[in-house]
């Protein structure tokens, strides 16, 4: 397996695991597909760092 050009933080890994666990309670295939889509989005961002729109203010979670 090829190493990815990005690092997934422990917090992000925990979030991904929780997302996977939640979805897999009802549908294991859907959980696999969602995880694949999320990781594919990370790959897309590394290949296209200027994709999307620049925001003046980052969204924050309270």
C-alpha atoms as a PDB file:
ATOM      1  CA  UNK A   1       0.000   0.000   0.000  1.00  0.00           C
ATOM      2  CA  UNK A   2       1.334   3.407  -0.991  1.00  0.00           C
ATOM      3  CA  UNK A   3       1.832   5.941   1.795  1.00  0.00           C
ATOM      4  CA  UNK A   4      -0.517   8.923   1.608  1.00  0.00           C
ATOM      5  CA  UNK A   5       0.907  12.458   1.277  1.00  0.00           C
ATOM      6  CA  UNK A   6      -1.082  13.586   4.307  1.00  0.00           C
ATOM      7  CA  UNK A   7      -1.299  12.702   7.981  1.00  0.00           C
ATOM      8  CA  UNK A   8      -4.567  11.782   9.651  1.00  0.00           C
ATOM      9  CA  UNK A   9      -4.573  13.139  13.199  1.00  0.00           C
ATOM     10  CA  UNK A  10      -5.566  10.877  16.085  1.00  0.00           C
ATOM     11  CA  UNK A  11      -8.741  12.943  16.544  1.00  0.00           C
ATOM     12  CA  UNK A  12      -9.646  12.535  12.872  1.00  0.00           C
ATOM     13  CA  UNK A  13      -8.937   8.792  13.055  1.00  0.00           C
ATOM     14  CA  UNK A  14     -11.270   8.590  16.052  1.00  0.00           C
ATOM     15  CA  UNK A  15     -13.962  10.521  14.167  1.00  0.00           C
ATOM     16  CA  UNK A  16     -13.622   8.222  11.145  1.00  0.00           C
ATOM     17  CA  UNK A  17     -13.860   5.154  13.379  1.00  0.00           C
ATOM     18  CA  UNK A  18     -17.003   6.532  15.042  1.00  0.00           C
ATOM     19  CA  UNK A  19     -18.599   7.334  11.679  1.00  0.00           C
ATOM     20  CA  UNK A  20     -17.774   3.843  10.437  1.00  0.00           C
ATOM     21  CA  UNK A  21     -19.107   2.182  13.609  1.00  0.00           C
ATOM     22  CA  UNK A  22     -22.334   4.188  13.516  1.00  0.00           C
ATOM     23  CA  UNK A  23     -23.122   3.432   9.878  1.00  0.00           C
ATOM     24  CA  UNK A  24     -22.037  -0.212  10.113  1.00  0.00           C
ATOM     25  CA  UNK A  25     -24.679  -0.870  12.778  1.00  0.00           C
ATOM     26  CA  UNK A  26     -27.242  -0.767   9.974  1.00  0.00           C
ATOM     27  CA  UNK A  27     -25.229  -1.428   6.832  1.00  0.00           C
ATOM     28  CA  UNK A  28     -21.640  -2.657   6.727  1.00  0.00           C
ATOM     29  CA  UNK A  29     -21.329  -2.080   2.969  1.00  0.00           C
ATOM     30  CA  UNK A  30     -22.509   1.521   3.332  1.00  0.00           C
ATOM     31  CA  UNK A  31     -19.960   2.079   6.107  1.00  0.00           C
ATOM     32  CA  UNK A  32     -17.165   0.789   3.859  1.00  0.00           C
ATOM     33  CA  UNK A  33     -18.358   2.997   0.997  1.00  0.00           C
ATOM     34  CA  UNK A  34     -18.542   6.091   3.207  1.00  0.00           C
ATOM     35  CA  UNK A  35     -15.043   5.532   4.565  1.00  0.00           C
ATOM     36  CA  UNK A  36     -13.753   5.044   1.014  1.00  0.00           C
ATOM     37  CA  UNK A  37     -15.459   8.279  -0.105  1.00  0.00           C
ATOM     38  CA  UNK A  38     -14.047  10.282   2.801  1.00  0.00           C
ATOM     39  CA  UNK A  39     -10.517   9.016   2.163  1.00  0.00           C
ATOM     40  CA  UNK A  40     -10.947   9.637  -1.581  1.00  0.00           C
ATOM     41  CA  UNK A  41     -11.845  13.248  -0.747  1.00  0.00           C
ATOM     42  CA  UNK A  42      -8.580  13.533   1.197  1.00  0.00           C
ATOM     43  CA  UNK A  43      -6.698  12.173  -1.816  1.00  0.00           C
ATOM     44  CA  UNK A  44      -8.484  14.653  -4.086  1.00  0.00           C
ATOM     45  CA  UNK A  45      -7.456  17.549  -1.856  1.00  0.00           C
ATOM     46  CA  UNK A  46      -3.801  16.489  -1.880  1.00  0.00           C
ATOM     47  CA  UNK A  47      -3.853  16.247  -5.673  1.00  0.00           C
ATOM     48  CA  UNK A  48      -5.750  19.543  -6.077  1.00  0.00           C
ATOM     49  CA  UNK A  49      -4.896  21.820  -3.139  1.00  0.00           C
ATOM     50  CA  UNK A  50      -6.606  24.847  -4.724  1.00  0.00           C
ATOM     51  CA  UNK A  51      -9.921  23.086  -5.252  1.00  0.00           C
ATOM     52  CA  UNK A  52     -12.973  24.794  -3.774  1.00  0.00           C
ATOM     53  CA  UNK A  53     -13.467  28.336  -2.581  1.00  0.00           C
ATOM     54  CA  UNK A  54     -11.496  30.460  -0.151  1.00  0.00           C
ATOM     55  CA  UNK A  55     -13.520  31.472   2.911  1.00  0.00           C
ATOM     56  CA  UNK A  56     -12.876  34.603   4.939  1.00  0.00           C
ATOM     57  CA  UNK A  57     -13.760  32.870   8.190  1.00  0.00           C
ATOM     58  CA  UNK A  58     -13.335  29.216   9.051  1.00  0.00           C
ATOM     59  CA  UNK A  59     -16.336  27.341  10.321  1.00  0.00           C
ATOM     60  CA  UNK A  60     -15.900  26.483  13.969  1.00  0.00           C
ATOM     61  CA  UNK A  61     -17.701  24.045  16.189  1.00  0.00           C
ATOM     62  CA  UNK A  62     -18.843  25.339  19.565  1.00  0.00           C
END
